[in-house]
Protein backbone atom coordinates (compact mmCIF):
# COMPACT_ATOMS: atom_id res chain seq x y z
CA MET A 1 15.79 -16.09 -13.61
CA ARG A 2 17.08 -18.22 -16.39
CA ARG A 3 20.64 -17.60 -17.32
CA SER A 4 19.86 -16.05 -20.72
CA ARG A 5 20.26 -12.28 -20.78
CA VAL A 6 16.74 -11.53 -21.94
CA PRO A 7 15.60 -7.96 -21.37
CA VAL A 8 13.23 -7.58 -18.43
CA VAL A 9 11.27 -4.98 -16.56
CA LEU A 10 10.40 -3.89 -13.15
CA SER A 11 6.85 -2.80 -13.07
CA GLY A 12 5.29 -0.23 -10.91
CA LEU A 13 1.96 -0.63 -9.31
CA LEU A 14 -1.04 1.59 -9.30
CA VAL A 15 -4.20 1.77 -7.27
CA ALA A 16 -7.48 3.06 -8.61
CA GLY A 17 -7.59 6.78 -8.84
CA SER A 18 -3.83 7.20 -9.14
CA LEU A 19 -3.54 6.37 -12.84
CA VAL A 20 -3.20 9.96 -13.99
CA ALA A 21 -0.85 10.88 -11.18
CA ALA A 22 1.35 7.89 -11.91
CA ALA A 23 1.47 8.70 -15.60
CA MET A 24 2.71 12.16 -14.75
CA MET A 25 5.55 10.57 -12.81
CA TYR A 26 7.14 9.03 -15.88
CA GLU A 27 10.46 10.69 -16.51
CA PRO A 28 13.13 10.19 -19.16
CA ARG A 29 16.47 8.84 -18.02
CA GLY A 30 18.62 11.59 -16.64
CA ALA A 31 15.68 13.70 -15.49
CA GLU A 32 15.63 14.95 -11.93
CA ARG A 33 13.83 12.41 -9.77
CA ALA A 34 10.60 13.32 -8.04
CA ALA A 35 10.34 13.12 -4.27
CA PRO A 36 9.48 9.62 -3.07
CA VAL A 37 5.97 8.80 -1.95
CA ARG A 38 7.22 7.23 1.27
CA ASP A 39 10.02 8.66 3.35
CA ALA A 40 13.38 6.98 2.88
CA PRO A 41 14.51 4.99 5.92
CA ALA A 42 16.27 7.13 8.50
CA ARG A 43 19.94 6.30 8.92
CA ALA A 44 19.33 5.52 12.59
CA GLU A 45 17.10 2.60 11.56
CA ILE A 46 19.91 0.82 9.73
CA GLY A 47 21.13 -2.15 11.73
CA SER A 48 18.61 -1.58 14.52
CA ALA A 49 16.55 -4.55 15.69
CA LEU A 50 14.45 -2.53 18.11
CA GLY A 51 10.83 -3.58 18.19
CA PHE A 52 11.55 -7.28 17.77
CA GLU A 53 11.37 -9.71 20.67
CA PRO A 54 14.68 -10.85 22.20
CA GLU A 55 14.65 -14.27 20.49
CA PHE A 56 14.25 -12.70 17.10
CA ARG A 57 16.90 -10.05 17.84
CA ALA A 58 19.32 -12.91 18.49
CA ARG A 59 18.43 -14.36 15.10
CA ILE A 60 19.06 -10.99 13.48
CA ALA A 61 22.49 -10.79 15.11
CA ALA A 62 23.33 -14.27 13.85
CA ALA A 63 22.21 -13.38 10.33
CA GLU A 64 24.37 -10.24 10.42
CA ALA A 65 27.39 -12.26 11.49
CA TYR A 66 26.76 -14.84 8.79
CA VAL A 67 26.56 -12.39 5.87
CA ARG A 68 29.76 -10.69 7.02
CA SER A 69 31.47 -14.07 6.63
CA ARG A 70 30.21 -14.61 3.08
CA PRO A 71 31.61 -13.43 -0.28
CA GLY A 72 30.48 -10.07 -1.62
CA PHE A 73 27.77 -8.21 0.26
CA THR A 74 24.16 -8.92 1.16
CA GLY A 75 21.36 -6.43 1.80
CA ILE A 76 18.47 -7.53 4.00
CA VAL A 77 15.13 -6.04 5.07
CA VAL A 78 12.66 -7.77 7.41
CA ARG A 79 9.30 -6.31 8.44
CA ASP A 80 6.95 -7.76 11.05
CA ARG A 81 3.53 -6.85 9.68
CA ARG A 82 1.91 -7.70 13.02
CA THR A 83 3.95 -5.27 15.15
CA GLY A 84 5.33 -2.90 12.51
CA ALA A 85 8.95 -3.54 13.54
CA VAL A 86 11.47 -3.27 10.70
CA TRP A 87 15.13 -4.30 10.49
CA ARG A 88 17.40 -3.11 7.70
CA ASN A 89 21.05 -4.06 7.59
CA ALA A 90 23.81 -1.76 6.36
CA ASP A 91 23.40 -2.78 2.70
CA ALA A 92 19.62 -2.50 2.60
CA GLY A 93 19.96 0.69 0.56
CA THR A 94 22.64 -0.61 -1.81
CA LYS A 95 21.59 -1.04 -5.45
CA ILE A 96 21.90 -4.43 -7.10
CA TRP A 97 20.50 -5.75 -10.37
CA ALA A 98 17.00 -6.93 -9.49
CA CYS A 99 17.02 -9.80 -12.03
CA SER A 100 13.75 -11.76 -12.09
CA THR A 101 12.33 -10.35 -8.86
CA SER A 102 10.82 -7.69 -11.11
CA LYS A 103 8.41 -10.30 -12.48
CA LEU A 104 6.34 -9.94 -9.33
CA ALA A 105 5.97 -6.23 -9.98
CA ILE A 106 4.97 -6.88 -13.58
CA ALA A 107 2.21 -9.22 -12.40
CA VAL A 108 0.87 -6.79 -9.80
CA ASP A 109 0.80 -3.93 -12.26
CA LEU A 110 -0.99 -5.93 -14.95
CA LEU A 111 -3.67 -7.08 -12.50
CA LEU A 112 -4.28 -3.52 -11.34
CA ARG A 113 -4.39 -2.11 -14.86
CA ASP A 114 -6.88 -4.81 -15.81
CA ASP A 115 -9.06 -3.78 -12.85
CA LEU A 116 -9.02 -0.18 -14.07
CA GLY A 117 -10.02 -1.19 -17.59
CA ALA A 118 -6.78 0.16 -19.01
CA ILE A 119 -5.98 -3.29 -20.41
CA THR A 120 -7.86 -6.58 -20.75
CA LEU A 121 -5.99 -9.69 -19.69
CA GLY A 122 -6.96 -12.81 -21.59
CA PRO A 123 -6.43 -16.49 -20.73
CA ASP A 124 -3.11 -16.47 -22.59
CA ASP A 125 -1.88 -13.49 -20.53
CA ARG A 126 -2.84 -15.19 -17.30
CA GLU A 127 -1.04 -18.37 -18.29
CA LEU A 128 2.08 -16.33 -19.10
CA MET A 129 1.78 -14.63 -15.72
CA HIS A 130 1.65 -18.02 -14.01
CA GLU A 131 4.70 -19.25 -15.93
CA MET A 132 6.80 -16.21 -15.03
CA LEU A 133 5.90 -16.46 -11.33
CA HIS A 134 5.90 -20.24 -10.93
CA ALA A 135 9.02 -21.11 -12.93
CA SER A 136 10.56 -17.65 -13.52
CA ASP A 137 10.05 -18.03 -17.26
CA ASN A 138 11.87 -15.22 -19.06
CA ASP A 139 10.06 -15.59 -22.37
CA ALA A 140 6.70 -15.24 -20.61
CA ALA A 141 7.84 -12.08 -18.86
CA THR A 142 9.24 -10.58 -22.06
CA THR A 143 6.01 -11.27 -23.95
CA LEU A 144 3.92 -9.52 -21.30
CA TRP A 145 6.41 -6.67 -21.02
CA GLU A 146 6.34 -5.97 -24.75
CA ARG A 147 2.61 -6.62 -25.16
CA TYR A 148 1.65 -4.12 -22.47
CA GLY A 149 3.86 -1.15 -23.16
CA GLY A 150 7.38 -1.82 -21.95
CA GLU A 151 9.28 0.59 -19.75
CA LYS A 152 7.21 3.64 -20.63
CA ALA A 153 3.99 1.93 -19.53
CA PHE A 154 5.35 0.14 -16.45
CA ALA A 155 7.94 2.55 -15.03
CA PRO A 156 5.60 5.30 -13.76
CA ARG A 157 3.88 2.99 -11.29
CA PHE A 158 6.89 2.02 -9.17
CA ARG A 159 6.68 5.16 -7.04
CA SER A 160 3.09 4.30 -6.18
CA PHE A 161 4.28 1.41 -4.03
CA GLY A 162 7.44 2.90 -2.61
CA MET A 163 10.14 1.56 -4.93
CA THR A 164 11.98 4.85 -4.89
CA GLY A 165 15.46 3.54 -5.68
CA LEU A 166 14.81 1.92 -9.05
CA GLU A 167 16.98 2.78 -12.03
CA PHE A 168 16.51 1.46 -15.55
CA ALA A 169 19.77 0.74 -17.35
CA ASP A 170 20.82 3.09 -20.16
CA ARG A 171 22.90 0.31 -21.71
CA HIS A 172 19.87 -1.98 -21.89
CA PRO A 173 16.89 0.24 -22.69
CA ASP A 174 13.33 -0.96 -22.28
CA SER A 175 14.38 -4.07 -20.39
CA TRP A 176 12.68 -5.71 -17.40
CA GLY A 177 15.83 -7.58 -16.37
CA TRP A 178 18.29 -4.71 -16.24
CA ILE A 179 16.85 -2.74 -13.35
CA LEU A 180 18.85 -1.59 -10.36
CA ALA A 181 16.98 -1.90 -7.07
CA THR A 182 17.69 -2.04 -3.36
CA PRO A 183 16.41 -4.48 -0.73
CA ASN A 184 14.33 -1.56 0.55
CA ASP A 185 12.66 -1.38 -2.88
CA LEU A 186 11.88 -5.08 -2.99
CA GLU A 187 10.48 -5.10 0.53
CA GLN A 188 8.23 -2.19 -0.41
CA LEU A 189 7.04 -4.22 -3.39
CA ILE A 190 6.01 -7.24 -1.32
CA ASP A 191 4.54 -5.01 1.40
CA PHE A 192 2.44 -3.21 -1.23
CA THR A 193 1.34 -6.55 -2.65
CA LEU A 194 0.09 -7.74 0.73
CA GLU A 195 -1.34 -4.48 2.03
CA GLN A 196 -2.67 -2.55 -0.97
CA VAL A 197 -3.65 -4.97 -3.71
CA PRO A 198 -7.33 -6.07 -3.81
CA ALA A 199 -7.95 -9.29 -1.91
CA ARG A 200 -8.67 -11.52 -4.90
CA HIS A 201 -5.36 -10.52 -6.54
CA ARG A 202 -3.48 -10.67 -3.28
CA ASN A 203 -4.73 -14.22 -2.65
CA TYR A 204 -3.77 -15.26 -6.17
CA LEU A 205 -0.26 -13.85 -5.82
CA VAL A 206 0.25 -15.36 -2.36
CA ASP A 207 -0.79 -18.76 -3.73
CA GLU A 208 1.58 -18.40 -6.70
CA LEU A 209 4.54 -17.48 -4.49
CA ARG A 210 3.80 -20.29 -2.04
CA SER A 211 3.68 -22.88 -4.83
CA VAL A 212 6.71 -21.95 -6.93
CA ASP A 213 8.55 -24.61 -8.89
CA GLY A 214 10.59 -26.98 -6.77
CA GLY A 215 11.92 -29.21 -9.53
CA ASP A 216 15.44 -30.24 -10.39
CA SER A 217 16.05 -27.64 -13.11
CA LEU A 218 18.35 -24.80 -12.14
CA ASP A 219 16.49 -22.68 -14.69
CA SER A 220 13.17 -22.88 -12.87
CA ASP A 221 13.63 -24.15 -9.29
CA GLN A 222 12.72 -21.39 -6.81
CA ARG A 223 12.37 -23.29 -3.55
CA TRP A 224 15.40 -21.66 -2.01
CA GLY A 225 16.17 -18.16 -0.72
CA ILE A 226 13.28 -17.17 1.56
CA TRP A 227 12.07 -20.76 1.16
CA GLY A 228 14.91 -21.63 3.55
CA ALA A 229 12.55 -20.67 6.38
CA GLY A 230 11.13 -24.18 6.11
CA ASP A 231 7.70 -25.59 5.30
CA ARG A 232 6.25 -24.82 8.73
CA ALA A 233 6.93 -21.13 8.12
CA ALA A 234 4.65 -21.19 5.05
CA PRO A 235 7.08 -19.14 2.92
CA GLY A 236 6.46 -17.67 -0.49
CA ASN A 237 9.01 -16.02 -2.73
CA LYS A 238 10.05 -14.67 -6.09
CA ASN A 239 13.73 -15.21 -6.76
CA GLY A 240 16.09 -13.67 -9.26
CA TRP A 241 19.59 -14.67 -10.31
CA SER A 242 22.03 -13.80 -13.07
CA ASP A 243 25.71 -13.31 -13.87
CA ASP A 244 25.01 -9.76 -15.02
CA ASN A 245 27.81 -7.90 -13.25
CA ASP A 246 30.31 -6.43 -15.70
CA ASP A 247 32.93 -8.98 -14.66
CA GLY A 248 30.49 -11.90 -14.97
CA SER A 249 30.03 -12.36 -11.24
CA TRP A 250 26.66 -13.39 -9.88
CA LEU A 251 23.70 -11.65 -8.28
CA VAL A 252 21.22 -13.77 -6.33
CA ASN A 253 18.06 -12.27 -4.82
CA SER A 254 14.90 -13.36 -3.01
CA VAL A 255 11.79 -11.39 -2.03
CA GLY A 256 8.66 -12.69 -0.33
CA PHE A 257 6.99 -13.46 2.97
CA VAL A 258 7.17 -15.85 5.89
CA GLY A 259 4.76 -17.03 8.55
CA PRO A 260 1.06 -17.49 9.19
CA ARG A 261 -0.94 -14.75 7.48
CA GLU A 262 2.32 -13.66 5.82
CA GLN A 263 3.50 -12.14 9.11
CA PHE A 264 6.97 -11.15 7.88
CA THR A 265 7.96 -9.52 4.61
CA VAL A 266 11.55 -10.18 3.57
CA ALA A 267 13.97 -8.99 0.90
CA ILE A 268 17.48 -10.43 0.52
CA MET A 269 19.86 -9.33 -2.25
CA ASN A 270 23.34 -10.81 -2.60
CA ASN A 271 26.03 -9.41 -4.88
CA THR A 272 28.36 -12.38 -4.65
CA LYS A 273 31.35 -10.85 -6.49
CA VAL A 274 32.05 -14.49 -7.39
CA ILE A 275 32.33 -15.70 -10.99
CA ASP A 276 33.00 -19.45 -10.80
CA ASP A 277 30.15 -21.19 -8.95
CA GLY A 278 28.71 -17.76 -8.15
CA TYR A 279 25.13 -18.98 -8.50
CA GLN A 280 25.67 -21.74 -5.95
CA VAL A 281 27.48 -19.36 -3.59
CA GLY A 282 24.70 -16.77 -3.76
CA ARG A 283 21.92 -19.32 -3.46
CA GLN A 284 23.55 -20.73 -0.33
CA THR A 285 23.93 -17.25 1.17
CA VAL A 286 20.34 -16.05 0.70
CA THR A 287 18.88 -19.40 1.75
CA ARG A 288 20.97 -19.60 4.90
CA VAL A 289 19.96 -16.07 5.89
CA SER A 290 16.31 -17.11 5.82
CA GLU A 291 17.08 -20.31 7.74
CA ILE A 292 18.83 -18.35 10.48
CA LEU A 293 15.99 -15.86 10.77
CA PHE A 294 12.97 -18.14 10.56
CA LYS A 295 13.60 -21.90 10.66
CA ASP A 296 11.70 -23.40 13.62
CA TYR A 297 10.65 -19.93 14.77
CA PHE A 298 6.99 -20.81 14.34
CA GLY A 299 7.20 -24.08 16.25
């Protein structure tokens, strides 16, 4: 996410047939929240690496030790889509500003609404979608957000794909960038993208996330975070970063997948609590976590 504080949104997603139900889920701020679609993770799951093979459990332990040594706190969720095993660390349910990770949700929602005939995406829309995924372009995201209904249009869909912890900020109404989310929420987003979205859209999104900008500009480079898994792990990610804490300290997040056939879904969110050089500190933290978990794991 570019450093400008441009309003942003986290979009919900919607499958065919759930449009009316999702619309009914829209609620004003302050309203009592509806029950989540998916059950919240049981407390006993937090910190457990059961279900993973011994080698990967050792990687999980090393990642846990590493984040405890780093500034601030880091929430992590890893799911093995092949076996169904899931690991959530102690901060996986802690809310952090989602920053530009919400751009992935915006893209998914727009593609699904276009399928339903609720909107019609033109060539300009699709180019904007590419720009916000490839280079995390804020202006592109804001244009799509405003063009297609803002918070009231996007917000109802998040429960459809399990993002039950989202909160839109009262201080920054109708904004895609000021959304509180948890690592659990972001992992549900990428899991939904891979499991529920029609194949042609899924393939498009996987290709976009695997080919994100790797240039020299700090405003657009996204080949870090989950990308730390290394080229052989075939990673794809959508990153988000901003100094949006009240004290100006940095938040640095990464959501995506790793491995052949996108075997693992991953969400890493770091509240650095660091002001000076906070971006560099957070980027190092989330990238190193992915290195520890996945580098050379696939041979």
